[in-house]
Protein backbone atom coordinates (compact mmCIF):
# COMPACT_ATOMS: atom_id res chain seq x y z
CA MET A 1 -25.69 163.86 183.79
CA ASP A 2 -28.13 161.34 184.20
CA MET A 3 -31.66 162.66 184.98
CA ARG A 4 -33.49 159.29 184.43
CA PHE A 5 -33.93 157.33 187.94
CA SER A 6 -33.83 158.87 191.31
CA LYS A 7 -34.31 156.93 194.98
CA ALA A 8 -38.04 156.30 194.70
CA ASN A 9 -40.31 156.34 191.39
CA ASP A 10 -44.25 156.89 192.63
CA VAL A 11 -45.26 155.11 189.08
CA LEU A 12 -44.04 151.40 189.72
CA GLY A 13 -44.30 151.94 193.64
CA THR A 14 -40.51 151.20 193.75
CA SER A 15 -37.83 152.28 195.47
CA ASN A 16 -33.64 152.16 195.62
CA ARG A 17 -32.68 151.33 199.15
CA GLY A 18 -28.87 153.39 197.72
CA ASN A 19 -28.65 155.86 195.36
CA ALA A 20 -29.17 155.22 192.12
CA ALA A 21 -26.91 154.66 189.34
CA GLU A 22 -27.71 154.76 185.41
CA SER A 23 -28.66 151.20 185.67
CA SER A 24 -31.72 151.82 188.30
CA LEU A 25 -29.60 149.22 190.36
CA CYS A 26 -28.54 151.07 193.71
CA THR A 27 -25.16 151.43 193.78
CA LEU A 28 -24.70 149.22 196.33
CA CYS A 29 -26.66 145.84 196.02
CA ARG A 30 -27.07 144.14 199.50
CA ALA A 31 -27.72 140.50 199.55
CA ASP A 32 -29.64 140.64 202.43
CA CYS A 33 -31.67 143.42 200.98
CA LYS A 34 -35.51 144.05 201.79
CA GLY A 35 -36.76 145.99 198.90
CA LYS A 36 -37.85 147.61 196.37
CA CYS A 37 -35.81 149.14 193.64
CA GLU A 38 -37.51 147.74 190.21
CA THR A 39 -35.33 144.69 189.28
CA TRP A 40 -35.58 143.14 192.65
CA LEU A 41 -39.60 143.85 192.41
CA SER A 42 -39.44 142.30 188.87
CA SER A 43 -38.47 139.00 190.70
CA MET A 44 -41.07 138.48 192.02
CA VAL A 45 -44.39 140.09 189.80
CA GLY A 46 -42.86 139.15 186.73
CA ARG A 47 -44.65 141.77 183.33
CA LYS A 48 -46.83 142.64 186.09
CA LEU A 49 -43.69 145.81 186.79
CA LEU A 50 -44.69 146.77 183.26
CA TYR A 51 -47.35 148.54 184.02
CA PRO A 52 -48.07 152.34 186.37
CA ARG A 53 -49.67 151.06 189.84
CA SER A 54 -53.41 151.47 191.08
CA PHE A 55 -54.62 151.00 187.29
CA GLY A 56 -57.95 152.46 187.60
CA LEU A 57 -57.06 155.46 190.01
CA VAL A 58 -54.04 156.53 188.41
CA THR A 59 -53.18 158.50 185.33
CA ALA A 60 -49.03 158.14 184.27
CA GLY A 61 -46.68 160.39 182.45
CA GLY A 62 -43.14 160.16 181.78
CA ASN A 63 -40.40 161.97 183.09
CA ASN A 64 -37.77 161.13 180.96
CA THR A 65 -37.94 164.39 178.25
CA THR A 66 -35.48 166.05 178.94
CA HIS A 67 -31.94 164.71 178.28
CA VAL A 68 -28.74 165.61 179.76
CA GLY A 69 -25.54 163.87 179.32
CA VAL A 70 -24.63 160.81 176.71
CA SER A 71 -25.73 157.92 178.49
CA TYR A 72 -27.79 154.64 177.16
CA ASN A 73 -30.71 156.47 179.14
CA SER A 74 -30.44 159.56 176.37
CA LEU A 75 -31.59 156.98 173.37
CA ARG A 76 -34.61 156.69 173.17
CA ILE A 77 -36.95 154.31 170.84
CA GLN A 78 -38.03 154.43 167.48
CA GLY A 79 -41.56 153.58 166.73
CA TYR A 80 -43.16 153.35 163.53
CA ALA A 81 -46.87 153.68 162.75
CA TYR A 82 -46.79 151.16 159.72
CA GLY A 83 -45.18 147.65 158.66
CA ALA A 84 -44.52 144.76 160.30
CA HIS A 85 -41.13 143.18 160.03
CA GLY A 86 -39.88 139.48 160.37
CA LEU A 87 -42.57 137.83 161.66
CA PRO A 88 -41.26 133.99 162.87
CA GLY A 89 -42.51 131.22 161.10
CA ASN A 90 -46.42 130.82 159.53
CA LEU A 91 -47.10 134.41 160.45
CA THR A 92 -48.68 136.80 158.57
CA THR A 93 -49.51 140.69 158.43
CA ASP A 94 -52.73 140.00 159.40
CA PRO A 95 -53.81 142.08 162.93
CA ASP A 96 -54.41 138.93 164.40
CA ASP A 97 -50.93 137.49 163.93
CA SER A 98 -48.72 140.77 164.08
CA ILE A 99 -49.24 140.87 168.09
CA PHE A 100 -46.28 141.64 170.66
CA PRO A 101 -46.58 138.26 172.09
CA ASN A 102 -45.78 136.72 168.65
CA VAL A 103 -41.82 138.64 168.93
CA SER A 104 -39.47 136.01 168.89
CA LEU A 105 -37.08 136.56 170.95
CA GLU A 106 -34.67 133.62 169.86
CA THR A 107 -30.70 134.32 168.64
CA GLU A 108 -27.50 132.59 168.03
CA PHE A 109 -24.51 132.93 168.27
CA GLY A 110 -20.94 131.64 167.03
CA LYS A 111 -19.04 130.89 163.22
CA THR A 112 -18.85 127.01 163.10
CA LYS A 113 -21.15 126.52 165.46
CA LYS A 114 -23.60 127.90 166.33
CA THR A 115 -25.08 128.12 170.22
CA LYS A 116 -29.38 128.78 170.66
CA VAL A 117 -30.36 131.24 172.51
CA ARG A 118 -33.48 131.72 173.97
CA MET A 119 -33.25 135.56 174.87
CA PRO A 120 -30.71 137.81 173.98
CA ILE A 121 -29.27 138.22 177.34
CA MET A 122 -26.29 136.12 179.22
CA THR A 123 -24.85 135.97 182.98
CA GLY A 124 -21.69 138.18 183.83
CA ALA A 125 -18.98 136.32 184.61
CA MET A 126 -19.23 135.04 187.86
CA GLY A 127 -16.52 133.65 189.43
CA SER A 128 -14.76 133.55 192.85
CA THR A 129 -16.79 135.99 194.80
CA PHE A 130 -18.93 134.41 197.40
CA ILE A 131 -21.47 136.07 196.53
CA ALA A 132 -21.29 133.60 193.27
CA GLU A 133 -20.28 130.65 195.24
CA LYS A 134 -23.33 130.89 197.75
CA TYR A 135 -26.23 131.96 194.88
CA TRP A 136 -24.23 129.33 191.89
CA ASP A 137 -27.67 127.18 192.14
CA GLY A 138 -30.29 129.61 191.56
CA PHE A 139 -28.05 131.43 188.86
CA ALA A 140 -27.27 128.49 187.09
CA ILE A 141 -30.07 126.54 186.99
CA GLY A 142 -32.32 129.90 186.52
CA GLY A 143 -30.30 130.26 183.43
CA ALA A 144 -31.23 127.46 182.43
CA LEU A 145 -34.24 126.83 182.37
CA ILE A 146 -34.45 130.13 180.56
CA GLY A 147 -32.14 129.04 178.17
CA ILE A 148 -29.64 131.51 178.38
CA PRO A 149 -25.54 131.81 178.41
CA VAL A 150 -24.18 132.20 182.09
CA VAL A 151 -20.36 132.39 182.56
CA ILE A 152 -18.51 130.83 185.60
CA GLY A 153 -15.81 133.56 185.84
CA GLU A 154 -11.80 133.77 187.23
CA ASN A 155 -10.15 131.71 189.71
CA VAL A 156 -12.43 129.21 190.56
CA VAL A 157 -10.21 126.49 191.02
CA GLY A 158 -7.84 128.44 192.55
CA VAL A 159 -9.94 129.70 195.34
CA ASP A 160 -11.07 126.32 196.29
CA ARG A 161 -9.35 125.06 198.73
CA ASN A 162 -11.12 120.99 198.39
CA SER A 163 -9.36 121.53 194.76
CA GLN A 164 -6.14 119.48 193.74
CA ILE A 165 -3.70 120.62 191.24
CA ASN A 166 -0.59 118.63 191.06
CA SER A 167 2.41 119.85 192.18
CA GLY A 168 4.86 118.08 190.89
CA THR A 169 7.58 118.80 188.44
CA GLU A 170 6.30 116.87 184.82
CA LYS A 171 2.39 117.52 186.47
CA LYS A 172 3.04 120.83 187.64
CA GLY A 173 -0.36 123.30 187.35
CA LYS A 174 -2.77 120.57 187.00
CA ILE A 175 -5.62 120.15 187.99
CA LYS A 176 -6.04 116.33 190.06
CA SER A 177 -9.95 117.49 191.19
CA ALA A 178 -11.89 120.69 191.06
CA PRO A 179 -15.24 120.27 193.68
CA GLU A 180 -16.94 123.69 193.06
CA LEU A 181 -15.94 124.29 189.27
CA ASP A 182 -17.18 120.85 188.73
CA ARG A 183 -20.96 121.70 190.85
CA ARG A 184 -20.95 125.01 188.76
CA ILE A 185 -20.42 123.21 185.47
CA ASP A 186 -23.06 120.31 186.51
CA THR A 187 -24.98 122.38 188.00
CA TYR A 188 -26.41 124.15 185.00
CA LEU A 189 -25.92 121.16 182.60
CA ARG A 190 -28.81 119.34 185.01
CA TYR A 191 -31.12 121.78 183.23
CA TYR A 192 -29.33 122.98 180.33
CA ASP A 193 -31.94 121.85 176.81
CA GLY A 194 -30.36 123.00 174.12
CA TYR A 195 -30.27 126.72 174.45
CA GLY A 196 -27.89 128.27 175.66
CA ALA A 197 -24.17 127.21 176.87
CA ILE A 198 -22.18 126.89 180.35
CA ILE A 199 -19.52 129.34 179.43
CA VAL A 200 -15.57 129.23 181.61
CA GLN A 201 -13.71 131.95 182.05
CA LEU A 202 -9.76 132.13 181.70
CA ASN A 203 -7.63 134.48 183.18
CA VAL A 204 -3.13 134.12 183.96
CA GLU A 205 -3.58 132.13 187.40
CA ASP A 206 -6.49 129.41 185.82
CA THR A 207 -4.22 129.28 182.28
CA ARG A 208 -1.17 128.38 184.93
CA ASN A 209 -3.28 125.65 186.49
CA GLY A 210 -4.17 124.17 183.45
CA VAL A 211 -8.31 124.99 183.97
CA ALA A 212 -9.05 124.65 180.22
CA GLU A 213 -7.26 120.77 180.18
CA TYR A 214 -9.29 120.33 183.02
CA VAL A 215 -12.56 121.40 181.54
CA VAL A 216 -12.07 119.83 178.01
CA ASP A 217 -11.14 116.30 179.17
CA LYS A 218 -14.15 115.88 181.91
CA TYR A 219 -17.02 118.05 179.98
CA GLY A 220 -15.43 117.93 175.76
CA ASP A 221 -17.87 120.51 174.47
CA LYS A 222 -20.81 120.69 176.34
CA CYS A 223 -18.47 123.73 177.90
CA ILE A 224 -17.45 127.11 175.88
CA ILE A 225 -14.30 128.46 177.63
CA GLU A 226 -13.40 132.14 177.00
CA LEU A 227 -10.42 134.17 177.29
CA LYS A 228 -9.68 137.05 178.97
CA TRP A 229 -8.61 140.58 179.01
CA GLY A 230 -10.78 142.42 181.80
CA GLN A 231 -13.86 143.85 182.69
CA GLY A 232 -15.39 147.19 183.10
CA ALA A 233 -15.31 147.32 187.42
CA LYS A 234 -11.65 147.68 187.35
CA ASN A 235 -7.94 148.22 185.28
CA ILE A 236 -6.48 144.98 187.61
CA GLY A 237 -6.84 141.42 187.67
CA GLY A 238 -9.55 139.56 189.49
CA GLU A 239 -9.91 140.93 193.71
CA ILE A 240 -11.41 138.97 196.61
CA GLN A 241 -11.65 139.80 200.37
CA VAL A 242 -11.23 137.21 202.85
CA LYS A 243 -10.89 137.63 206.74
CA SER A 244 -8.92 134.42 207.86
CA LEU A 245 -4.75 134.36 208.56
CA ASP A 246 -4.91 130.42 207.38
CA TYR A 247 -6.75 130.96 203.68
CA ALA A 248 -4.63 134.49 202.90
CA LEU A 249 -1.87 131.79 203.98
CA PHE A 250 -3.38 128.89 201.42
CA LEU A 251 -3.98 131.75 198.81
CA LYS A 252 -1.05 133.19 198.90
CA GLU A 253 0.74 129.75 198.26
CA ARG A 254 -1.11 128.48 195.61
CA GLY A 255 0.47 132.11 193.81
CA TYR A 256 -1.99 134.57 194.40
CA VAL A 257 -1.25 137.88 195.32
CA VAL A 258 -2.19 139.05 198.95
CA ASP A 259 -2.16 142.33 200.39
CA PRO A 260 -0.59 142.70 202.84
CA ASP A 261 1.36 139.60 202.65
CA PRO A 262 0.12 137.00 205.20
CA SER A 263 3.71 135.59 204.97
CA LEU A 264 5.12 138.31 207.55
CA ALA A 265 5.77 137.98 210.90
CA GLU A 266 4.25 141.59 211.70
CA VAL A 267 0.99 141.20 209.14
CA GLN A 268 0.65 138.32 211.27
CA LYS A 269 0.88 140.27 214.64
CA GLY A 270 -1.72 142.82 213.18
CA PHE A 271 -3.77 140.31 212.38
CA GLU A 272 -3.63 138.62 215.32
CA GLN A 273 -3.83 142.45 217.92
CA GLY A 274 -7.26 143.13 215.42
CA ALA A 275 -5.38 145.70 213.34
CA ILE A 276 -5.82 144.44 210.56
CA LYS A 277 -9.15 142.38 209.60
CA SER A 278 -9.54 141.08 206.14
CA PHE A 279 -6.66 140.59 203.37
CA ALA A 280 -7.32 141.32 200.02
CA ARG A 281 -6.49 138.47 197.01
CA HIS A 282 -5.15 139.96 193.08
CA SER A 283 -5.05 138.09 190.18
CA ARG A 284 -2.16 139.64 187.60
CA LEU A 285 -1.90 141.52 185.13
CA GLY A 286 -2.14 139.55 181.65
CA SER A 287 0.43 140.29 178.65
CA THR A 288 2.52 142.13 180.68
CA ASP A 289 5.89 140.84 178.28
CA LEU A 290 4.01 142.32 175.16
CA ASP A 291 5.10 144.98 174.11
CA SER A 292 3.25 145.75 171.08
CA VAL A 293 0.39 145.22 169.25
CA ASP A 294 2.22 142.64 166.86
CA LYS A 295 3.08 141.23 169.93
CA VAL A 296 -0.04 140.92 171.32
CA GLN A 297 -1.87 139.17 168.25
CA GLU A 298 0.68 137.10 168.06
CA ASP A 299 0.18 135.88 171.39
CA PHE A 300 -3.58 135.40 171.08
CA MET A 301 -3.39 133.36 168.07
CA ASN A 302 -1.28 130.92 169.31
CA SER A 303 -3.65 131.03 172.37
CA VAL A 304 -6.55 130.47 170.30
CA GLU A 305 -4.63 127.37 168.55
CA TYR A 306 -3.95 126.16 171.20
CA LEU A 307 -6.91 125.69 173.05
CA ARG A 308 -8.67 124.11 169.55
CA ASN A 309 -5.56 122.60 169.56
CA LEU A 310 -6.85 120.68 172.76
CA GLY A 311 -10.85 119.81 171.30
CA PHE A 312 -12.45 123.10 172.47
CA GLU A 313 -15.09 123.49 169.19
CA ARG A 314 -16.08 127.25 170.75
CA ILE A 315 -14.35 129.99 172.40
CA THR A 316 -14.89 133.32 173.32
CA LEU A 317 -13.37 136.38 173.95
CA LYS A 318 -14.67 138.84 177.47
CA THR A 319 -12.54 142.82 177.27
CA GLY A 320 -13.11 145.89 178.95
CA SER A 321 -13.04 149.14 178.94
CA TYR A 322 -9.92 150.28 177.19
CA GLY A 323 -9.05 152.34 174.94
CA MET A 324 -10.06 152.28 171.55
CA GLU A 325 -6.67 150.97 170.56
CA GLU A 326 -7.30 147.94 172.53
CA LEU A 327 -11.04 147.97 171.33
CA ALA A 328 -9.41 147.70 167.75
CA MET A 329 -7.51 144.38 168.67
CA ALA A 330 -10.18 143.27 170.30
CA ILE A 331 -12.42 142.91 167.55
CA LYS A 332 -9.65 142.53 164.67
CA PHE A 333 -8.11 139.76 166.43
CA SER A 334 -11.46 137.70 167.25
CA THR A 335 -12.50 138.27 164.11
CA ASP A 336 -9.64 136.90 162.28
CA ALA A 337 -9.33 134.13 165.67
CA ASN A 338 -13.38 132.99 164.10
CA LEU A 339 -14.14 133.26 167.84
CA ASP A 340 -18.02 132.45 168.68
CA LEU A 341 -18.46 136.03 170.92
CA LEU A 342 -16.87 138.88 171.99
CA THR A 343 -17.84 140.72 174.78
CA ILE A 344 -17.01 143.97 175.79
CA ASP A 345 -17.63 145.20 179.04
CA GLY A 346 -18.19 149.28 179.55
CA SER A 347 -17.26 151.53 182.71
CA GLY A 348 -20.74 151.74 184.52
CA GLY A 349 -21.03 148.49 185.62
CA GLY A 350 -20.69 146.37 188.52
CA THR A 351 -18.21 143.96 190.83
CA GLY A 352 -17.99 142.02 193.83
CA MET A 353 -14.85 143.88 194.48
CA SER A 354 -13.26 146.18 192.72
CA PRO A 355 -11.00 149.88 194.29
CA TRP A 356 -14.18 152.24 194.43
CA ASN A 357 -12.23 155.46 193.33
CA MET A 358 -10.90 153.36 189.79
CA MET A 359 -14.28 151.60 189.34
CA GLN A 360 -15.88 155.57 189.43
CA SER A 361 -13.09 157.01 187.31
CA TRP A 362 -11.66 154.32 184.79
CA GLY A 363 -11.79 153.44 181.21
CA VAL A 364 -14.59 154.25 178.54
CA PRO A 365 -17.96 154.89 179.50
CA SER A 366 -20.57 151.74 177.69
CA ILE A 367 -22.02 153.91 175.76
CA ASN A 368 -18.93 155.42 173.94
CA LEU A 369 -17.20 152.13 173.88
CA HIS A 370 -19.79 150.35 172.79
CA ALA A 371 -20.92 152.89 169.84
CA LYS A 372 -17.22 152.99 168.43
CA ALA A 373 -17.47 148.83 168.32
CA HIS A 374 -20.01 149.29 165.81
CA GLU A 375 -17.83 151.54 164.09
CA TYR A 376 -15.29 149.33 164.07
CA ALA A 377 -17.22 146.82 162.87
CA ASN A 378 -18.56 148.24 160.05
CA LEU A 379 -14.35 148.74 159.24
CA LEU A 380 -13.91 144.95 158.98
CA SER A 381 -16.63 144.52 157.44
CA ALA A 382 -16.57 146.87 154.66
CA LYS A 383 -13.29 144.55 153.31
CA GLY A 384 -15.41 142.09 153.47
CA LYS A 385 -14.81 140.39 156.58
CA SER A 386 -17.09 137.99 158.53
CA VAL A 387 -16.71 139.91 162.00
CA VAL A 388 -16.97 138.60 165.38
CA ASP A 389 -20.77 137.81 167.34
CA MET A 390 -20.72 140.55 170.41
CA SER A 391 -22.46 141.03 173.54
CA PHE A 392 -22.43 144.54 175.65
CA ALA A 393 -22.60 144.13 178.81
CA GLY A 394 -21.68 147.17 181.08
CA GLY A 395 -24.69 148.47 183.23
CA PHE A 396 -27.78 146.83 181.66
CA ALA A 397 -30.96 146.23 183.90
CA LEU A 398 -33.92 147.23 181.98
CA GLU A 399 -35.50 146.25 179.19
CA ASP A 400 -35.22 148.76 177.41
CA HIS A 401 -31.92 149.03 177.82
CA ILE A 402 -31.45 145.42 175.91
CA PHE A 403 -33.38 146.85 173.12
CA LYS A 404 -31.13 150.36 172.85
CA ALA A 405 -27.69 148.32 173.23
CA LEU A 406 -28.84 145.89 170.60
CA ALA A 407 -29.91 148.72 168.42
CA LEU A 408 -26.62 150.06 168.87
CA GLY A 409 -24.35 147.22 168.20
CA ALA A 410 -26.35 145.96 165.29
CA PRO A 411 -26.62 143.44 163.32
CA TYR A 412 -23.41 142.18 165.29
CA THR A 413 -24.28 142.49 168.53
CA LYS A 414 -26.15 138.94 169.26
CA LEU A 415 -26.74 139.05 173.13
CA ILE A 416 -26.48 141.87 176.09
CA CYS A 417 -24.59 140.63 179.01
CA MET A 418 -25.74 141.41 182.49
CA GLY A 419 -25.20 141.01 185.80
CA ARG A 420 -25.30 142.56 188.53
CA ALA A 421 -29.13 142.89 187.54
CA VAL A 422 -29.39 139.25 187.48
CA MET A 423 -28.34 138.29 190.74
CA ILE A 424 -30.94 140.45 192.78
CA PRO A 425 -33.37 137.99 191.88
CA GLY A 426 -31.04 134.99 193.56
CA PHE A 427 -30.19 137.39 196.46
CA LEU A 428 -34.09 137.71 196.91
CA GLY A 429 -35.25 134.23 196.25
CA ALA A 430 -32.73 132.79 198.36
CA ASN A 431 -34.06 135.24 201.21
CA ILE A 432 -37.56 134.30 200.64
CA GLU A 433 -36.23 130.65 200.73
CA GLY A 434 -34.73 131.08 203.77
CA ALA A 435 -37.49 132.67 205.43
CA LEU A 436 -40.31 130.07 204.90
CA ASN A 437 -38.23 127.20 205.29
CA PRO A 438 -35.57 127.62 208.53
CA GLU A 439 -34.57 124.39 208.42
CA ARG A 440 -33.51 125.28 204.63
CA ARG A 441 -31.68 128.76 205.96
CA ALA A 442 -28.03 127.89 206.27
CA ALA A 443 -28.22 125.60 202.88
CA VAL A 444 -29.55 128.48 200.75
CA SER A 445 -28.31 131.36 201.92
CA GLY A 446 -30.98 132.96 202.88
CA ASN A 447 -30.43 135.99 205.34
CA TRP A 448 -33.64 136.81 206.80
CA ASN A 449 -35.87 135.23 209.48
CA GLU A 450 -39.27 136.29 208.21
CA LEU A 451 -40.88 137.44 205.19
CA PRO A 452 -40.59 141.82 205.09
CA ARG A 453 -43.57 143.26 204.86
CA THR A 454 -42.39 144.15 201.34
CA VAL A 455 -42.51 140.58 200.30
CA LEU A 456 -45.91 139.36 202.35
CA GLN A 457 -47.41 142.58 200.10
CA GLU A 458 -47.18 139.71 197.03
CA GLY A 459 -48.44 136.15 198.87
CA LYS A 460 -47.31 134.05 201.61
CA THR A 461 -46.24 131.51 200.24
CA VAL A 462 -43.86 130.38 196.74
CA ASP A 463 -46.62 129.76 194.20
CA GLU A 464 -48.13 133.49 195.28
CA ILE A 465 -45.15 134.98 195.89
CA PHE A 466 -43.71 134.89 192.58
CA ALA A 467 -45.45 135.46 189.60
CA GLY A 468 -43.79 132.92 187.06
CA TYR A 469 -44.05 129.82 189.42
CA HIS A 470 -47.04 128.14 187.51
CA ASP A 471 -45.10 128.63 184.27
CA LEU A 472 -41.73 127.38 184.95
CA GLU A 473 -44.22 124.57 186.97
CA LYS A 474 -45.67 123.81 183.22
CA ILE A 475 -41.82 123.47 181.83
CA VAL A 476 -40.29 120.95 184.47
CA GLY A 477 -43.24 119.38 185.99
CA LYS A 478 -45.28 119.49 189.22
CA ASP A 479 -42.50 117.09 190.57
CA GLU A 480 -39.96 118.72 189.69
CA MET A 481 -40.24 121.72 190.93
CA LYS A 482 -39.68 120.66 195.11
CA ASN A 483 -36.14 120.55 193.28
CA ILE A 484 -35.74 124.24 191.85
CA PRO A 485 -34.62 126.57 194.50
CA TYR A 486 -36.35 129.86 194.68
CA SER A 487 -33.37 132.24 193.33
CA ALA A 488 -34.08 130.63 190.06
CA ILE A 489 -37.83 131.00 190.34
CA ALA A 490 -36.60 134.16 191.16
CA PHE A 491 -35.04 134.56 188.21
CA PHE A 492 -36.47 132.91 185.80
CA THR A 493 -39.68 135.17 186.66
CA LEU A 494 -37.23 138.57 186.43
CA ALA A 495 -36.60 137.41 182.65
CA ASP A 496 -40.13 137.03 182.07
CA LYS A 497 -40.78 140.46 182.82
CA LEU A 498 -37.39 141.69 180.46
CA GLY A 499 -38.54 138.75 177.61
CA CYS A 500 -42.57 140.59 177.60
CA GLY A 501 -40.71 144.29 178.22
CA LEU A 502 -38.90 143.49 175.27
CA GLN A 503 -41.29 141.82 172.87
CA GLN A 504 -43.57 145.21 173.14
CA LEU A 505 -40.85 147.09 172.56
CA MET A 506 -39.70 145.55 169.31
CA ALA A 507 -43.59 144.86 168.13
CA GLY A 508 -43.56 149.15 167.99
CA ALA A 509 -41.04 149.07 166.04
CA ARG A 510 -42.59 147.22 164.43
CA LYS A 511 -39.66 144.12 164.16
CA PHE A 512 -40.37 140.67 164.97
CA SER A 513 -37.38 138.48 164.87
CA MET A 514 -34.25 139.46 166.70
CA ASN A 515 -31.83 139.57 163.47
CA GLN A 516 -34.32 142.78 161.72
CA ILE A 517 -33.06 144.98 164.71
CA THR A 518 -31.05 148.05 163.75
CA ARG A 519 -30.03 151.34 164.35
CA GLN A 520 -32.96 152.77 162.19
CA GLU A 521 -35.29 151.58 165.87
CA ILE A 522 -33.04 154.10 168.00
CA PHE A 523 -32.16 158.11 168.22
CA SER A 524 -30.77 160.14 170.43
CA GLY A 525 -32.52 162.10 172.88
CA ASN A 526 -29.69 165.06 172.63
CA ARG A 527 -27.45 166.71 170.14
CA GLU A 528 -24.03 165.57 171.81
CA THR A 529 -25.66 162.20 172.25
CA ALA A 530 -25.84 161.93 168.77
CA ARG A 531 -22.23 163.58 168.09
CA GLU A 532 -20.96 160.83 170.09
CA THR A 533 -22.62 157.73 168.89
CA GLY A 534 -23.63 158.68 164.95
CA VAL A 535 -27.30 157.60 166.17
CA PRO A 536 -29.01 160.63 164.77
CA HIS A 537 -30.88 163.30 166.93
CA CYS A 538 -34.18 162.38 167.64
CA SER A 539 -35.63 165.51 165.33
CA ASP A 540 -33.68 164.21 161.91
CA VAL A 541 -34.60 160.99 161.50
CA ASN A 542 -36.42 160.33 158.69
CA ASP A 543 -36.84 164.43 158.39
CA GLU A 544 -36.18 164.01 154.69
CA SER A 545 -38.83 161.53 154.04
CA ALA A 546 -41.44 164.08 156.07
CA LYS A 547 -41.05 166.34 153.43
CA LYS A 548 -41.29 164.31 150.68
CA ILE A 549 -44.50 163.57 152.60
CA LEU A 550 -45.36 166.92 152.82
CA ASN A 551 -44.79 167.81 149.24
CA SER A 552 -45.84 165.29 147.37
């Protein structure tokens, strides 16, 4: 049970349209939402939302002092009254240097070839869902301008009706053209400046279709390739829903599992009469022909070797909230294969489409999974292994989530993967752009005919509405701003808020660089969390040194 978030937050002036999840987001997040959860409002006002509203008229007090249950919200952040560690560059411990804006959020991940990142977040995998397709420009351009990795999820080629996949015997399953995949990669690379990366994910169908071969032939080392074992939202393959019989038949011909089967006469009759209104397209489970850990390891190593022989310099793995055996396999195999990143997605995260009760009931909750990942990584490190760099995912939306997850997995965790949270500015920005520019409404997938009161409270023009507008204009130039979608401006603004909040938390912990974050910067708010995570209770941390002070 999580007591931190309720539907309304009077201190920030925010509210959730639906039920508040552990992440602070609504359990059901709508693209046409008119506000105003914390992430939604942060996408306009940025770092202003770090503070209580109505300064000068109010005082404010926290209400999260009593922690119930085990979750990331039951971890608390340690602060220190002295010291300054890891000041970047030529900065010193002088108080004029040791200020939170001087905290460096830059980090990197990878083995032989390092990937630089401006702040320690990445997007979740956004693949064949129509949401990802419609709002891609905002996600990709925003991510590139922020300087973070953006992940193209599974099935993008397979569901694209304009892609051409050879069907001849010799070239069966090899892609001739993939316009939607090209669009997604090219959109990111247009603003890529050396920080971040575009990552392309592979599932069973992508492997059969030859996505890896196509990507390396066309883009070389500009892309990272990612193997996929699963995700935290469901324990089956990727899914989308389609409302066209013709499209459902196309997907079945492409080799997908489509439910109900659109080729059956009785199903077609049911669709014509309105009894069946949509079809679900499913991906296949991986490794169904393997029956032991040794065989899984052999298959995995062969897959990595094949991708390296194709020419990929950087390879990553995404795994879901399976049990401890699969977690150990993911960490061990990724370490032995010298992978560049392992993303571990816990239950409690989000989805484009998953069976609801499956999402509610399956898998290991994020904090338990991530705590075990740290334990297992320590075991490998003690054996002299260079443990794979990690990214934690599963229900993160706020700056304190980022800090806590980085500390829980330190020193192995380099990034925090955020899915639904970073999609919200995509929705909001597109809606604002469509309302202000009706001629572009359809092109940007805007859902509003006019600005709602919740937006008009912040401004009437794009440069009034988005606090990050002028900072971004300074980066790209005044002329180029006309080419930046409002959804990317909103993403940039949200990232500025998250970054500033993270800098403040790090400065309070006296850690001024990412590589300085350790488990000593967090403690548990209740005994149960301490027991489950191995992170000591807040009244136990430094208790012995405190008593030495008293007895000196």
